[in-house]
Amino acid sequence: MRRLSLALARLYSAPLLWILLLGIVGFSWVFNYSSLPFSNPELLKLSGGEGLLDLLPFYTAEKAFTALGHYGKAGRELYSRYLVADFIFIPFYSLGLALLTTRTVQAVWGESTSRLWLNLLPFGIACFDVVENFCILAMLNLYPTTNVALGTLSGAATLCKTLLTAATFLCLGYGGVILLLRRARSAARSARSP
């Protein structure tokens, strides 16, 4: 794990980070705000307000099966297309967040910090996202047959993804606050100096 963490630190570059962050913003806009035929707004229209399971923090197998029924045939086909796009999105956001976390951790605690392992959190998010996607894809393909094990595993993967996402953003937020406070203190010292 330490090797992977250090490899990410060596991979970091500002241009690569910006490209990935722009990709994340672009994908997020397409998924959540566009009218493309695999977006959440289109699924909401088709299903009478039932959105993507991926966007919930957690759900039970029963909730998943209820949502699948509300989607209808067209909504289930749309969701399958969404999952294909989501599989493409996963490497963008996991690497982008990993590099952003690398930069933040090193800026706050130094280049050789023992906290560098925090840059692996986004890959945990990605792993659970992949499990969630495969479970949802299987449920979509099996419908109207239901499989409680798949629904439960999908909901658990979503919960783990949510918790790791919260941990990642908590780390980034904490680092951001520390860096802002350092900058404010430095500016205050500079203002007091003759």
Protein backbone atom coordinates (compact mmCIF):
# COMPACT_ATOMS: atom_id res chain seq x y z
CA MET A 1 0.00 0.00 0.00
CA ARG A 2 2.83 2.37 0.85
CA ARG A 3 4.35 1.77 -2.60
CA LEU A 4 1.09 2.69 -4.32
CA SER A 5 0.77 5.78 -2.15
CA LEU A 6 4.33 6.87 -3.01
CA ALA A 7 3.79 6.09 -6.71
CA LEU A 8 0.81 8.47 -6.67
CA ALA A 9 2.97 11.13 -5.05
CA ARG A 10 5.54 10.72 -7.85
CA LEU A 11 2.79 10.82 -10.50
CA TYR A 12 1.43 14.14 -9.23
CA SER A 13 1.69 17.13 -11.53
CA ALA A 14 -0.44 20.26 -11.56
CA PRO A 15 -1.41 19.94 -15.28
CA LEU A 16 -2.51 16.32 -14.83
CA LEU A 17 -4.52 17.25 -11.76
CA TRP A 18 -6.27 20.08 -13.62
CA ILE A 19 -7.12 17.83 -16.58
CA LEU A 20 -8.62 15.23 -14.25
CA LEU A 21 -10.53 17.81 -12.22
CA LEU A 22 -12.00 19.29 -15.42
CA GLY A 23 -12.97 15.76 -16.47
CA ILE A 24 -14.67 15.22 -13.11
CA VAL A 25 -16.63 18.46 -13.42
CA GLY A 26 -17.60 17.62 -17.02
CA PHE A 27 -18.78 14.10 -16.18
CA SER A 28 -20.66 15.36 -13.12
CA TRP A 29 -22.46 17.97 -15.20
CA VAL A 30 -23.39 15.39 -17.85
CA PHE A 31 -24.68 12.92 -15.23
CA ASN A 32 -26.60 15.38 -13.08
CA TYR A 33 -27.72 18.32 -15.22
CA SER A 34 -27.72 17.44 -18.92
CA SER A 35 -30.55 15.98 -20.95
CA LEU A 36 -28.36 13.26 -22.47
CA PRO A 37 -29.99 9.83 -22.66
CA PHE A 38 -28.06 8.46 -19.66
CA SER A 39 -28.42 11.33 -17.19
CA ASN A 40 -30.22 11.46 -13.87
CA PRO A 41 -32.66 14.19 -15.06
CA GLU A 42 -33.79 11.92 -17.91
CA LEU A 43 -34.26 8.99 -15.52
CA LEU A 44 -36.25 11.23 -13.18
CA LYS A 45 -38.58 12.09 -16.08
CA LEU A 46 -39.04 8.46 -17.12
CA SER A 47 -39.61 7.13 -13.62
CA GLY A 48 -41.82 9.81 -12.12
CA GLY A 49 -39.12 11.13 -9.80
CA GLU A 50 -37.13 7.99 -8.98
CA GLY A 51 -33.46 8.88 -9.46
CA LEU A 52 -30.27 6.89 -9.69
CA LEU A 53 -29.54 4.50 -6.84
CA ASP A 54 -25.89 5.57 -7.15
CA LEU A 55 -26.74 9.01 -5.78
CA LEU A 56 -28.30 7.74 -2.56
CA PRO A 57 -26.12 7.42 0.55
CA PHE A 58 -27.62 3.97 1.28
CA TYR A 59 -30.61 1.86 0.29
CA THR A 60 -32.07 -1.51 1.18
CA ALA A 61 -32.67 -4.34 -1.28
CA GLU A 62 -36.40 -3.57 -1.07
CA LYS A 63 -35.80 0.09 -1.98
CA ALA A 64 -33.65 -1.00 -4.94
CA PHE A 65 -36.36 -3.33 -6.26
CA THR A 66 -39.03 -0.64 -5.84
CA ALA A 67 -36.86 1.81 -7.81
CA LEU A 68 -36.28 -0.74 -10.57
CA GLY A 69 -40.04 -1.12 -10.94
CA HIS A 70 -40.58 2.65 -11.09
CA TYR A 71 -37.94 3.06 -13.79
CA GLY A 72 -39.92 1.05 -16.32
CA LYS A 73 -38.29 -0.65 -19.29
CA ALA A 74 -37.00 2.61 -20.80
CA GLY A 75 -35.62 3.77 -17.45
CA ARG A 76 -33.83 0.48 -16.87
CA GLU A 77 -32.24 0.73 -20.32
CA LEU A 78 -31.21 4.32 -19.57
CA TYR A 79 -29.68 3.19 -16.26
CA SER A 80 -27.64 0.53 -18.07
CA ARG A 81 -26.23 3.23 -20.38
CA TYR A 82 -25.50 5.40 -17.35
CA LEU A 83 -23.51 2.56 -15.76
CA VAL A 84 -21.36 2.21 -18.90
CA ALA A 85 -20.53 5.93 -18.67
CA ASP A 86 -19.96 5.60 -14.91
CA PHE A 87 -17.38 2.86 -15.47
CA ILE A 88 -15.50 5.36 -17.68
CA PHE A 89 -15.88 8.08 -15.01
CA ILE A 90 -14.44 5.98 -12.15
CA PRO A 91 -10.75 6.25 -13.21
CA PHE A 92 -11.10 10.04 -13.70
CA TYR A 93 -12.50 10.80 -10.28
CA SER A 94 -10.44 8.25 -8.35
CA LEU A 95 -7.12 9.40 -9.81
CA GLY A 96 -8.12 13.08 -9.66
CA LEU A 97 -9.15 12.88 -6.01
CA ALA A 98 -6.08 10.78 -5.18
CA LEU A 99 -3.75 13.39 -6.69
CA LEU A 100 -5.63 16.25 -5.01
CA THR A 101 -5.38 14.42 -1.68
CA THR A 102 -1.66 13.79 -2.30
CA ARG A 103 -1.07 17.50 -2.88
CA THR A 104 -3.14 18.52 0.14
CA VAL A 105 -1.50 16.02 2.52
CA GLN A 106 2.00 17.00 1.40
CA ALA A 107 1.22 20.72 1.66
CA VAL A 108 -0.13 20.34 5.19
CA TRP A 109 2.19 17.71 6.70
CA GLY A 110 5.26 17.75 4.42
CA GLU A 111 6.63 15.63 1.59
CA SER A 112 7.62 12.59 3.66
CA THR A 113 4.56 12.40 5.88
CA SER A 114 3.22 9.12 7.26
CA ARG A 115 -0.28 10.41 6.43
CA LEU A 116 0.30 10.02 2.70
CA TRP A 117 -1.77 6.82 2.80
CA LEU A 118 -4.85 9.10 2.81
CA ASN A 119 -4.32 9.47 -0.95
CA LEU A 120 -5.56 5.86 -1.30
CA LEU A 121 -9.06 6.68 0.01
CA PRO A 122 -10.35 7.57 -3.50
CA PHE A 123 -9.34 4.12 -4.74
CA GLY A 124 -11.45 2.62 -1.97
CA ILE A 125 -14.34 4.74 -3.24
CA ALA A 126 -13.69 3.43 -6.76
CA CYS A 127 -13.63 -0.22 -5.62
CA PHE A 128 -16.98 0.09 -3.89
CA ASP A 129 -18.37 2.02 -6.87
CA VAL A 130 -17.39 -0.85 -9.19
CA VAL A 131 -19.06 -3.41 -6.89
CA GLU A 132 -22.17 -1.21 -6.70
CA ASN A 133 -22.29 -0.81 -10.50
CA PHE A 134 -21.95 -4.54 -11.18
CA CYS A 135 -24.68 -5.31 -8.64
CA ILE A 136 -27.05 -2.72 -10.12
CA LEU A 137 -26.28 -3.93 -13.65
CA ALA A 138 -27.06 -7.50 -12.59
CA MET A 139 -30.32 -6.39 -10.94
CA LEU A 140 -31.30 -4.46 -14.08
CA ASN A 141 -30.64 -7.52 -16.25
CA LEU A 142 -32.47 -9.91 -13.90
CA TYR A 143 -35.56 -7.71 -13.52
CA PRO A 144 -38.40 -8.62 -12.81
CA THR A 145 -36.63 -11.39 -10.90
CA THR A 146 -35.23 -10.04 -7.65
CA ASN A 147 -32.14 -11.21 -5.79
CA VAL A 148 -31.96 -10.05 -2.17
CA ALA A 149 -28.23 -10.83 -1.92
CA LEU A 150 -27.48 -8.55 -4.90
CA GLY A 151 -29.72 -5.79 -3.56
CA THR A 152 -28.15 -5.99 -0.11
CA LEU A 153 -24.59 -6.08 -1.47
CA SER A 154 -25.37 -3.11 -3.72
CA GLY A 155 -26.74 -1.06 -0.81
CA ALA A 156 -23.75 -1.98 1.39
CA ALA A 157 -21.30 -1.01 -1.38
CA THR A 158 -23.12 2.30 -1.77
CA LEU A 159 -22.88 2.96 1.97
CA CYS A 160 -19.14 2.17 2.00
CA LYS A 161 -18.64 4.41 -1.04
CA THR A 162 -20.52 7.21 0.74
CA LEU A 163 -18.45 6.85 3.94
CA LEU A 164 -15.13 6.84 2.07
CA THR A 165 -16.25 9.83 -0.01
CA ALA A 166 -17.09 11.69 3.21
CA ALA A 167 -13.69 10.74 4.68
CA THR A 168 -11.89 11.96 1.55
CA PHE A 169 -13.70 15.30 1.51
CA LEU A 170 -13.21 15.67 5.26
CA CYS A 171 -9.46 15.21 4.71
CA LEU A 172 -9.46 17.72 1.84
CA GLY A 173 -11.57 20.21 3.82
CA TYR A 174 -9.38 19.90 6.91
CA GLY A 175 -6.25 20.37 4.80
CA GLY A 176 -7.79 23.36 3.04
CA VAL A 177 -8.68 25.04 6.35
CA ILE A 178 -5.16 24.44 7.74
CA LEU A 179 -3.58 25.94 4.61
CA LEU A 180 -5.89 28.98 4.71
CA LEU A 181 -5.09 29.56 8.38
CA ARG A 182 -1.36 29.33 7.67
CA ARG A 183 -1.71 31.83 4.85
CA ALA A 184 -3.74 34.22 7.03
CA ARG A 185 -1.14 34.01 9.82
CA SER A 186 1.67 34.59 7.35
CA ALA A 187 -0.14 37.61 5.90
CA ALA A 188 -0.78 38.99 9.39
CA ARG A 189 2.92 38.60 10.28
CA SER A 190 3.94 40.29 7.04
CA ALA A 191 1.58 43.19 7.75
CA ARG A 192 3.10 43.68 11.23
CA SER A 193 6.68 43.55 9.95
CA PRO A 194 8.23 46.94 9.06
